[in-house]
Amino acid sequence: MQKILQVASITKKITLAIIGLFLITFLLVHLGINLCLLRDDGGAWFRAAAHFMGTNYLVKVFEIVLFGAIALHILLALLIQFHNWYARPIGYKSCNKSKTALGSKLMIWTGILIVFFLAVHFVHFYFAKIGLVDGPLDANNEPDFYVMAHILFKKAWVVVMYIGFMIALAFHLAHAFPSAFQTLGLAHSKYTPIIKIVGIALAVVISVGFAIIPLFFYFCK
């Protein structure tokens, strides 16, 4: 029975790692699209990209896969964390502290912040896309996400909160990327340091890339 539980635990961790790498890939694509907001074209490129994403059937199928992956990622992360807490219910005394890396300890908390950010993000943008909330419309009578971003990011508290979420995302990604490779059995003394550097680079590029957008709208538009 114990072996079965161990296999199930390993399977959850491997699945979590694979989904995590998939979501990182999605973040890079999403960042590339969002950076179109910075073009000095009145939002033309971004509106064209948003129109394509909103009308292409393959993208709509991908959205279902993406939402399923996010939900499963959250569920597995919680199950693994609860298992860890249950297996070690008594806190460490100061003389016998855990040597677990700080990034690992923060994963659940940065993850919770990211989930909260996703909820806010869905309310402001995705819910407008599917018609659950009202918002400005473009020439195609579709939600004008460029104008929505412009309005939203003119609020200082929104910009500060957004950047705070991006900091949490940076910490999450910096640990998650090398951790995923380790879980998949791809850790090695020769290239693990490189993987860690790549993870930090990805964390910085993704978080800073997204954070630039609200700062651009607040200060330059």
C-alpha atoms as a PDB file:
ATOM      1  CA  MET A   1       0.000   0.000   0.000  1.00  0.00           C
ATOM      2  CA  GLN A   2       2.837   2.354   0.885  1.00  0.00           C
ATOM      3  CA  LYS A   3       4.489   1.702  -2.475  1.00  0.00           C
ATOM      4  CA  ILE A   4       1.227   2.515  -4.269  1.00  0.00           C
ATOM      5  CA  LEU A   5       0.997   5.808  -2.370  1.00  0.00           C
ATOM      6  CA  GLN A   6       4.608   6.605  -3.241  1.00  0.00           C
ATOM      7  CA  VAL A   7       3.960   5.947  -6.934  1.00  0.00           C
ATOM      8  CA  ALA A   8       0.846   8.120  -6.800  1.00  0.00           C
ATOM      9  CA  SER A   9       2.827  10.903  -5.138  1.00  0.00           C
ATOM     10  CA  ILE A  10       5.585  10.709  -7.760  1.00  0.00           C
ATOM     11  CA  THR A  11       2.989  10.683 -10.540  1.00  0.00           C
ATOM     12  CA  LYS A  12       1.386  13.839  -9.144  1.00  0.00           C
ATOM     13  CA  LYS A  13       4.755  15.595  -8.960  1.00  0.00           C
ATOM     14  CA  ILE A  14       5.706  14.592 -12.516  1.00  0.00           C
ATOM     15  CA  THR A  15       2.334  15.732 -13.842  1.00  0.00           C
ATOM     16  CA  LEU A  16       2.687  18.993 -11.933  1.00  0.00           C
ATOM     17  CA  ALA A  17       6.148  19.536 -13.447  1.00  0.00           C
ATOM     18  CA  ILE A  18       5.020  18.858 -17.026  1.00  0.00           C
ATOM     19  CA  ILE A  19       2.016  21.158 -16.702  1.00  0.00           C
ATOM     20  CA  GLY A  20       4.223  23.805 -15.114  1.00  0.00           C
ATOM     21  CA  LEU A  21       6.615  23.787 -18.084  1.00  0.00           C
ATOM     22  CA  PHE A  22       3.625  23.991 -20.437  1.00  0.00           C
ATOM     23  CA  LEU A  23       2.288  27.019 -18.556  1.00  0.00           C
ATOM     24  CA  ILE A  24       5.683  28.725 -18.694  1.00  0.00           C
ATOM     25  CA  THR A  25       5.645  28.282 -22.475  1.00  0.00           C
ATOM     26  CA  PHE A  26       2.176  29.797 -22.572  1.00  0.00           C
ATOM     27  CA  LEU A  27       3.334  32.759 -20.481  1.00  0.00           C
ATOM     28  CA  LEU A  28       6.057  33.507 -23.034  1.00  0.00           C
ATOM     29  CA  VAL A  29       3.522  33.463 -25.873  1.00  0.00           C
ATOM     30  CA  HIS A  30       1.053  35.554 -23.864  1.00  0.00           C
ATOM     31  CA  LEU A  31       3.798  38.047 -23.050  1.00  0.00           C
ATOM     32  CA  GLY A  32       4.687  38.375 -26.722  1.00  0.00           C
ATOM     33  CA  ILE A  33       1.084  39.218 -27.575  1.00  0.00           C
ATOM     34  CA  ASN A  34       0.692  41.658 -24.672  1.00  0.00           C
ATOM     35  CA  LEU A  35       3.858  43.514 -25.625  1.00  0.00           C
ATOM     36  CA  CYS A  36       1.992  44.603 -28.767  1.00  0.00           C
ATOM     37  CA  LEU A  37       0.285  47.040 -26.390  1.00  0.00           C
ATOM     38  CA  LEU A  38       3.535  49.028 -26.317  1.00  0.00           C
ATOM     39  CA  ARG A  39       3.566  49.710 -30.069  1.00  0.00           C
ATOM     40  CA  ASP A  40       2.899  53.281 -31.108  1.00  0.00           C
ATOM     41  CA  ASP A  41       0.023  52.334 -33.416  1.00  0.00           C
ATOM     42  CA  GLY A  42      -2.994  53.140 -31.273  1.00  0.00           C
ATOM     43  CA  GLY A  43      -3.435  49.463 -30.401  1.00  0.00           C
ATOM     44  CA  ALA A  44      -3.844  48.234 -33.988  1.00  0.00           C
ATOM     45  CA  TRP A  45      -1.521  45.258 -33.674  1.00  0.00           C
ATOM     46  CA  PHE A  46      -2.903  44.254 -30.297  1.00  0.00           C
ATOM     47  CA  ARG A  47      -6.509  44.544 -31.473  1.00  0.00           C
ATOM     48  CA  ALA A  48      -5.684  42.374 -34.488  1.00  0.00           C
ATOM     49  CA  ALA A  49      -4.088  39.767 -32.236  1.00  0.00           C
ATOM     50  CA  ALA A  50      -7.029  39.892 -29.815  1.00  0.00           C
ATOM     51  CA  HIS A  51      -9.480  39.497 -32.721  1.00  0.00           C
ATOM     52  CA  PHE A  52      -7.590  36.447 -33.984  1.00  0.00           C
ATOM     53  CA  MET A  53      -7.415  34.917 -30.506  1.00  0.00           C
ATOM     54  CA  GLY A  54     -11.120  35.521 -30.000  1.00  0.00           C
ATOM     55  CA  THR A  55     -12.358  34.118 -33.313  1.00  0.00           C
ATOM     56  CA  ASN A  56      -9.960  31.276 -34.208  1.00  0.00           C
ATOM     57  CA  TYR A  57     -11.469  27.874 -33.389  1.00  0.00           C
ATOM     58  CA  LEU A  58      -8.096  26.261 -32.662  1.00  0.00           C
ATOM     59  CA  VAL A  59      -7.395  28.976 -30.116  1.00  0.00           C
ATOM     60  CA  LYS A  60     -10.784  28.321 -28.510  1.00  0.00           C
ATOM     61  CA  VAL A  61      -9.924  24.625 -28.182  1.00  0.00           C
ATOM     62  CA  PHE A  62      -6.526  25.595 -26.765  1.00  0.00           C
ATOM     63  CA  GLU A  63      -8.289  27.785 -24.186  1.00  0.00           C
ATOM     64  CA  ILE A  64     -10.132  24.741 -22.859  1.00  0.00           C
ATOM     65  CA  VAL A  65      -6.855  22.824 -22.618  1.00  0.00           C
ATOM     66  CA  LEU A  66      -5.204  25.809 -20.941  1.00  0.00           C
ATOM     67  CA  PHE A  67      -7.944  26.260 -18.329  1.00  0.00           C
ATOM     68  CA  GLY A  68      -7.886  22.535 -17.632  1.00  0.00           C
ATOM     69  CA  ALA A  69      -4.104  22.631 -17.222  1.00  0.00           C
ATOM     70  CA  ILE A  70      -4.317  25.592 -14.831  1.00  0.00           C
ATOM     71  CA  ALA A  71      -7.026  23.916 -12.750  1.00  0.00           C
ATOM     72  CA  LEU A  72      -5.109  20.633 -12.593  1.00  0.00           C
ATOM     73  CA  HIS A  73      -1.875  22.455 -11.748  1.00  0.00           C
ATOM     74  CA  ILE A  74      -3.563  24.212  -8.827  1.00  0.00           C
ATOM     75  CA  LEU A  75      -5.227  21.007  -7.614  1.00  0.00           C
ATOM     76  CA  LEU A  76      -2.025  18.951  -7.732  1.00  0.00           C
ATOM     77  CA  ALA A  77      -0.012  21.693  -6.043  1.00  0.00           C
ATOM     78  CA  LEU A  78      -2.528  21.851  -3.194  1.00  0.00           C
ATOM     79  CA  LEU A  79      -2.656  18.066  -2.815  1.00  0.00           C
ATOM     80  CA  ILE A  80       1.119  17.821  -2.675  1.00  0.00           C
ATOM     81  CA  GLN A  81       1.382  20.701  -0.219  1.00  0.00           C
ATOM     82  CA  PHE A  82      -1.330  19.300   2.049  1.00  0.00           C
ATOM     83  CA  HIS A  83       0.422  15.923   1.958  1.00  0.00           C
ATOM     84  CA  ASN A  84       3.688  17.571   2.986  1.00  0.00           C
ATOM     85  CA  TRP A  85       1.989  19.414   5.841  1.00  0.00           C
ATOM     86  CA  TYR A  86       0.232  16.232   6.963  1.00  0.00           C
ATOM     87  CA  ALA A  87       3.445  14.230   6.844  1.00  0.00           C
ATOM     88  CA  ARG A  88       5.193  16.876   8.944  1.00  0.00           C
ATOM     89  CA  PRO A  89       2.471  18.343  11.177  1.00  0.00           C
ATOM     90  CA  ILE A  90       4.767  19.604  13.935  1.00  0.00           C
ATOM     91  CA  GLY A  91       6.711  22.756  13.172  1.00  0.00           C
ATOM     92  CA  TYR A  92      10.484  22.659  13.388  1.00  0.00           C
ATOM     93  CA  LYS A  93      12.101  24.023  16.510  1.00  0.00           C
ATOM     94  CA  SER A  94      14.705  26.732  16.117  1.00  0.00           C
ATOM     95  CA  CYS A  95      17.485  24.254  16.879  1.00  0.00           C
ATOM     96  CA  ASN A  96      16.342  21.895  14.130  1.00  0.00           C
ATOM     97  CA  LYS A  97      15.127  24.046  11.285  1.00  0.00           C
ATOM     98  CA  SER A  98      14.363  22.605   7.886  1.00  0.00           C
ATOM     99  CA  LYS A  99      17.055  23.119   5.273  1.00  0.00           C
ATOM    100  CA  THR A 100      14.462  23.336   2.536  1.00  0.00           C
ATOM    101  CA  ALA A 101      15.288  26.120   0.097  1.00  0.00           C
ATOM    102  CA  LEU A 102      13.461  29.383   0.661  1.00  0.00           C
ATOM    103  CA  GLY A 103      12.052  29.238  -2.874  1.00  0.00           C
ATOM    104  CA  SER A 104      10.466  25.877  -2.099  1.00  0.00           C
ATOM    105  CA  LYS A 105       8.913  27.178   1.123  1.00  0.00           C
ATOM    106  CA  LEU A 106       7.454  30.164  -0.704  1.00  0.00           C
ATOM    107  CA  MET A 107       5.994  28.180  -3.613  1.00  0.00           C
ATOM    108  CA  ILE A 108       2.580  27.604  -2.057  1.00  0.00           C
ATOM    109  CA  TRP A 109       2.253  31.262  -1.007  1.00  0.00           C
ATOM    110  CA  THR A 110       3.426  32.754  -4.292  1.00  0.00           C
ATOM    111  CA  GLY A 111       1.146  30.250  -5.984  1.00  0.00           C
ATOM    112  CA  ILE A 112      -1.832  31.491  -3.958  1.00  0.00           C
ATOM    113  CA  LEU A 113      -1.021  35.079  -4.966  1.00  0.00           C
ATOM    114  CA  ILE A 114      -0.863  34.031  -8.619  1.00  0.00           C
ATOM    115  CA  VAL A 115      -4.256  32.307  -8.334  1.00  0.00           C
ATOM    116  CA  PHE A 116      -5.696  35.495  -6.851  1.00  0.00           C
ATOM    117  CA  PHE A 117      -4.170  37.481  -9.712  1.00  0.00           C
ATOM    118  CA  LEU A 118      -5.712  35.093 -12.251  1.00  0.00           C
ATOM    119  CA  ALA A 119      -9.122  35.583 -10.647  1.00  0.00           C
ATOM    120  CA  VAL A 120      -8.786  39.375 -10.914  1.00  0.00           C
ATOM    121  CA  HIS A 121      -7.418  39.077 -14.459  1.00  0.00           C
ATOM    122  CA  PHE A 122     -10.352  36.910 -15.547  1.00  0.00           C
ATOM    123  CA  VAL A 123     -12.872  39.364 -14.096  1.00  0.00           C
ATOM    124  CA  HIS A 124     -11.351  42.331 -15.903  1.00  0.00           C
ATOM    125  CA  PHE A 125     -10.509  40.748 -19.242  1.00  0.00           C
ATOM    126  CA  TYR A 126     -11.726  37.191 -19.901  1.00  0.00           C
ATOM    127  CA  PHE A 127     -15.188  37.799 -18.453  1.00  0.00           C
ATOM    128  CA  ALA A 128     -15.481  40.817 -20.759  1.00  0.00           C
ATOM    129  CA  LYS A 129     -14.476  38.602 -23.662  1.00  0.00           C
ATOM    130  CA  ILE A 130     -17.292  36.123 -23.010  1.00  0.00           C
ATOM    131  CA  GLY A 131     -19.817  38.865 -22.206  1.00  0.00           C
ATOM    132  CA  LEU A 132     -20.170  38.397 -18.458  1.00  0.00           C
ATOM    133  CA  VAL A 133     -19.070  41.976 -17.729  1.00  0.00           C
ATOM    134  CA  ASP A 134     -19.521  45.134 -19.746  1.00  0.00           C
ATOM    135  CA  GLY A 135     -16.636  47.028 -21.293  1.00  0.00           C
ATOM    136  CA  PRO A 136     -15.668  49.267 -24.214  1.00  0.00           C
ATOM    137  CA  LEU A 137     -16.125  47.821 -27.700  1.00  0.00           C
ATOM    138  CA  ASP A 138     -13.930  48.206 -30.786  1.00  0.00           C
ATOM    139  CA  ALA A 139     -14.895  48.693 -34.449  1.00  0.00           C
ATOM    140  CA  ASN A 140     -15.782  44.986 -34.722  1.00  0.00           C
ATOM    141  CA  ASN A 141     -18.182  45.285 -31.769  1.00  0.00           C
ATOM    142  CA  GLU A 142     -15.790  43.153 -29.753  1.00  0.00           C
ATOM    143  CA  PRO A 143     -14.306  43.969 -26.324  1.00  0.00           C
ATOM    144  CA  ASP A 144     -11.592  46.593 -26.783  1.00  0.00           C
ATOM    145  CA  PHE A 145      -8.863  45.255 -24.520  1.00  0.00           C
ATOM    146  CA  TYR A 146      -6.504  48.065 -25.520  1.00  0.00           C
ATOM    147  CA  VAL A 147      -8.867  50.705 -24.144  1.00  0.00           C
ATOM    148  CA  MET A 148      -9.597  48.509 -21.126  1.00  0.00           C
ATOM    149  CA  ALA A 149      -5.880  48.249 -20.352  1.00  0.00           C
ATOM    150  CA  HIS A 150      -5.498  52.000 -20.801  1.00  0.00           C
ATOM    151  CA  ILE A 151      -8.314  52.719 -18.340  1.00  0.00           C
ATOM    152  CA  LEU A 152      -7.248  50.091 -15.809  1.00  0.00           C
ATOM    153  CA  PHE A 153      -3.564  50.972 -15.745  1.00  0.00           C
ATOM    154  CA  LYS A 154      -4.211  54.665 -15.185  1.00  0.00           C
ATOM    155  CA  LYS A 155      -5.040  53.740 -11.585  1.00  0.00           C
ATOM    156  CA  ALA A 156      -1.956  53.841  -9.368  1.00  0.00           C
ATOM    157  CA  TRP A 157      -3.193  51.167  -6.957  1.00  0.00           C
ATOM    158  CA  VAL A 158      -3.825  48.770  -9.843  1.00  0.00           C
ATOM    159  CA  VAL A 159      -0.299  49.317 -11.172  1.00  0.00           C
ATOM    160  CA  VAL A 160       1.242  48.741  -7.738  1.00  0.00           C
ATOM    161  CA  MET A 161      -0.839  45.606  -7.163  1.00  0.00           C
ATOM    162  CA  TYR A 162      -0.014  44.288 -10.640  1.00  0.00           C
ATOM    163  CA  ILE A 163       3.728  44.753 -10.083  1.00  0.00           C
ATOM    164  CA  GLY A 164       3.416  43.034  -6.706  1.00  0.00           C
ATOM    165  CA  PHE A 165       1.829  40.036  -8.401  1.00  0.00           C
ATOM    166  CA  MET A 166       4.646  40.001 -10.969  1.00  0.00           C
ATOM    167  CA  ILE A 167       7.224  39.887  -8.167  1.00  0.00           C
ATOM    168  CA  ALA A 168       5.399  36.868  -6.736  1.00  0.00           C
ATOM    169  CA  LEU A 169       5.377  35.303 -10.214  1.00  0.00           C
ATOM    170  CA  ALA A 170       9.129  35.887 -10.550  1.00  0.00           C
ATOM    171  CA  PHE A 171       9.867  34.048  -7.288  1.00  0.00           C
ATOM    172  CA  HIS A 172       7.493  31.254  -8.287  1.00  0.00           C
ATOM    173  CA  LEU A 173       9.043  30.732 -11.724  1.00  0.00           C
ATOM    174  CA  ALA A 174      12.644  31.022 -10.535  1.00  0.00           C
ATOM    175  CA  HIS A 175      12.137  27.986  -8.312  1.00  0.00           C
ATOM    176  CA  ALA A 176       9.543  26.132 -10.387  1.00  0.00           C
ATOM    177  CA  PHE A 177      11.622  25.878 -13.576  1.00  0.00           C
ATOM    178  CA  PRO A 178      14.658  24.020 -12.158  1.00  0.00           C
ATOM    179  CA  SER A 179      12.406  22.098  -9.772  1.00  0.00           C
ATOM    180  CA  ALA A 180      10.424  20.743 -12.744  1.00  0.00           C
ATOM    181  CA  PHE A 181      13.591  19.435 -14.395  1.00  0.00           C
ATOM    182  CA  GLN A 182      14.680  17.845 -11.140  1.00  0.00           C
ATOM    183  CA  THR A 183      11.286  16.152 -10.735  1.00  0.00           C
ATOM    184  CA  LEU A 184      11.542  14.776 -14.277  1.00  0.00           C
ATOM    185  CA  GLY A 185      14.904  13.232 -13.425  1.00  0.00           C
ATOM    186  CA  LEU A 186      16.878  15.647 -15.598  1.00  0.00           C
ATOM    187  CA  ALA A 187      19.055  17.059 -12.829  1.00  0.00           C
ATOM    188  CA  HIS A 188      22.813  16.699 -13.335  1.00  0.00           C
ATOM    189  CA  SER A 189      25.813  18.355 -11.738  1.00  0.00           C
ATOM    190  CA  LYS A 190      26.990  19.625 -15.146  1.00  0.00           C
ATOM    191  CA  TYR A 191      23.861  21.308 -16.454  1.00  0.00           C
ATOM    192  CA  THR A 192      21.693  21.847 -13.368  1.00  0.00           C
ATOM    193  CA  PRO A 193      23.438  25.188 -12.654  1.00  0.00           C
ATOM    194  CA  ILE A 194      22.644  26.234 -16.247  1.00  0.00           C
ATOM    195  CA  ILE A 195      18.997  25.229 -15.776  1.00  0.00           C
ATOM    196  CA  LYS A 196      18.852  27.361 -12.622  1.00  0.00           C
ATOM    197  CA  ILE A 197      20.294  30.341 -14.495  1.00  0.00           C
ATOM    198  CA  VAL A 198      17.778  29.831 -17.315  1.00  0.00           C
ATOM    199  CA  GLY A 199      15.006  29.640 -14.721  1.00  0.00           C
ATOM    200  CA  ILE A 200      16.059  32.937 -13.167  1.00  0.00           C
ATOM    201  CA  ALA A 201      16.371  34.526 -16.622  1.00  0.00           C
ATOM    202  CA  LEU A 202      12.874  33.339 -17.577  1.00  0.00           C
ATOM    203  CA  ALA A 203      11.474  34.594 -14.288  1.00  0.00           C
ATOM    204  CA  VAL A 204      13.012  38.031 -14.836  1.00  0.00           C
ATOM    205  CA  VAL A 205      12.031  38.288 -18.519  1.00  0.00           C
ATOM    206  CA  ILE A 206       8.429  37.199 -17.949  1.00  0.00           C
ATOM    207  CA  SER A 207       7.763  39.208 -14.787  1.00  0.00           C
ATOM    208  CA  VAL A 208       9.556  42.366 -15.957  1.00  0.00           C
ATOM    209  CA  GLY A 209       7.994  42.055 -19.415  1.00  0.00           C
ATOM    210  CA  PHE A 210       4.492  41.990 -17.984  1.00  0.00           C
ATOM    211  CA  ALA A 211       5.284  44.694 -15.391  1.00  0.00           C
ATOM    212  CA  ILE A 212       6.466  47.103 -18.092  1.00  0.00           C
ATOM    213  CA  ILE A 213       2.960  47.244 -19.590  1.00  0.00           C
ATOM    214  CA  PRO A 214       1.101  48.898 -16.671  1.00  0.00           C
ATOM    215  CA  LEU A 215       4.059  51.221 -16.079  1.00  0.00           C
ATOM    216  CA  PHE A 216       3.994  52.228 -19.753  1.00  0.00           C
ATOM    217  CA  PHE A 217       0.281  53.035 -19.677  1.00  0.00           C
ATOM    218  CA  TYR A 218       0.496  54.869 -16.349  1.00  0.00           C
ATOM    219  CA  PHE A 219       3.458  57.077 -17.208  1.00  0.00           C
ATOM    220  CA  CYS A 220       3.449  57.324 -21.002  1.00  0.00           C
ATOM    221  CA  LYS A 221      -0.200  57.239 -22.127  1.00  0.00           C
END
